[in-house]
Amino acid sequence: MENEDNTLDELLGDIIGLINQYPIAIERQAGLLQATGKDPELVEKLVKAADTMRDSGNLYLTWAKHYAAMAKGNTDASSDEDETDDFDV
């Protein structure tokens, strides 16, 4: 059981890292496109997409943590924690 708990914790850590990096990568690409004078409309869409991905990442992570807590036997898996710190919001 403890091995599974560790696996869940490790996977949550991986998810947090990936969800944090994805919108940053989109913003970086938007910056590159802007710097090269590419389509400003596309740049704007990518910046908005990064914000959307950040918001949906927060939601996804909240559910992932909830289910991980349930899997560990925590029957009161609801959390009042503010997850925004995980995403530098």
Protein backbone atom coordinates (compact mmCIF):
# COMPACT_ATOMS: atom_id res chain seq x y z
CA MET A 1 0.00 0.00 0.00
CA GLU A 2 2.79 2.43 0.88
CA ASN A 3 4.44 1.76 -2.48
CA GLU A 4 1.22 2.80 -4.24
CA ASP A 5 1.02 5.93 -2.05
CA ASN A 6 4.57 6.82 -3.12
CA THR A 7 3.68 6.21 -6.76
CA LEU A 8 0.69 8.52 -6.49
CA ASP A 9 2.82 11.21 -4.84
CA GLU A 10 5.50 10.87 -7.52
CA LEU A 11 2.93 11.07 -10.30
CA LEU A 12 1.34 14.13 -8.73
CA GLY A 13 4.76 15.76 -8.63
CA ASP A 14 5.25 14.95 -12.31
CA ILE A 15 1.81 16.33 -13.16
CA ILE A 16 2.48 19.56 -11.25
CA GLY A 17 5.75 20.06 -13.12
CA LEU A 18 4.25 19.41 -16.53
CA ILE A 19 1.17 21.52 -15.93
CA ASN A 20 3.42 24.38 -14.77
CA GLN A 21 5.75 24.13 -17.76
CA TYR A 22 3.15 23.78 -20.52
CA PRO A 23 1.71 27.32 -20.44
CA ILE A 24 5.21 28.72 -20.01
CA ALA A 25 6.27 26.92 -23.20
CA ILE A 26 3.24 28.29 -25.06
CA GLU A 27 4.07 31.83 -23.86
CA ARG A 28 7.69 31.36 -24.90
CA GLN A 29 6.60 30.28 -28.37
CA ALA A 30 4.25 33.29 -28.58
CA GLY A 31 7.18 35.53 -27.68
CA LEU A 32 9.32 33.99 -30.40
CA LEU A 33 6.57 34.46 -32.96
CA GLN A 34 6.10 38.07 -31.86
CA ALA A 35 9.83 38.76 -32.01
CA THR A 36 10.01 37.49 -35.58
CA GLY A 37 7.05 39.66 -36.63
CA LYS A 38 4.71 36.75 -37.25
CA ASP A 39 0.92 36.96 -37.15
CA PRO A 40 0.00 39.16 -34.14
CA GLU A 41 -3.42 37.52 -33.97
CA LEU A 42 -1.79 34.12 -33.53
CA VAL A 43 0.45 35.53 -30.79
CA GLU A 44 -2.61 36.87 -28.96
CA LYS A 45 -4.38 33.51 -29.28
CA LEU A 46 -1.36 31.70 -27.86
CA VAL A 47 -1.15 34.06 -24.88
CA LYS A 48 -4.84 33.46 -24.15
CA ALA A 49 -4.31 29.72 -24.62
CA ALA A 50 -1.55 29.78 -22.01
CA ASP A 51 -3.92 31.44 -19.53
CA THR A 52 -6.61 28.89 -20.32
CA MET A 53 -4.19 26.00 -19.88
CA ARG A 54 -3.04 27.45 -16.55
CA ASP A 55 -6.64 27.68 -15.33
CA SER A 56 -7.56 24.19 -16.49
CA GLY A 57 -4.35 22.87 -14.98
CA ASN A 58 -5.43 24.22 -11.60
CA LEU A 59 -8.75 22.44 -11.94
CA TYR A 60 -7.15 19.20 -13.09
CA LEU A 61 -4.64 19.22 -10.26
CA THR A 62 -7.35 19.81 -7.66
CA TRP A 63 -9.16 16.69 -8.85
CA ALA A 64 -5.93 14.68 -9.10
CA LYS A 65 -5.07 15.52 -5.49
CA HIS A 66 -8.62 14.70 -4.41
CA TYR A 67 -8.52 11.24 -6.00
CA ALA A 68 -5.02 10.54 -4.71
CA ALA A 69 -6.19 11.33 -1.19
CA MET A 70 -9.18 9.03 -1.66
CA ALA A 71 -6.90 6.26 -2.93
CA LYS A 72 -4.81 6.60 0.22
CA GLY A 73 -7.91 5.93 2.31
CA ASN A 74 -8.69 9.52 3.21
CA THR A 75 -12.48 9.43 3.27
CA ASP A 76 -12.60 13.18 3.86
CA ALA A 77 -10.70 13.95 0.66
CA SER A 78 -12.20 17.36 0.23
CA SER A 79 -9.63 20.10 0.55
CA ASP A 80 -9.88 23.74 1.40
CA GLU A 81 -6.29 24.31 0.30
CA ASP A 82 -5.58 27.07 -2.19
CA GLU A 83 -4.00 25.32 -5.17
CA THR A 84 -3.01 28.54 -6.95
CA ASP A 85 0.43 28.52 -5.28
CA ASP A 86 1.24 25.42 -7.31
CA PHE A 87 0.94 27.49 -10.49
CA ASP A 88 2.39 30.85 -9.48
CA VAL A 89 -1.04 32.48 -9.92
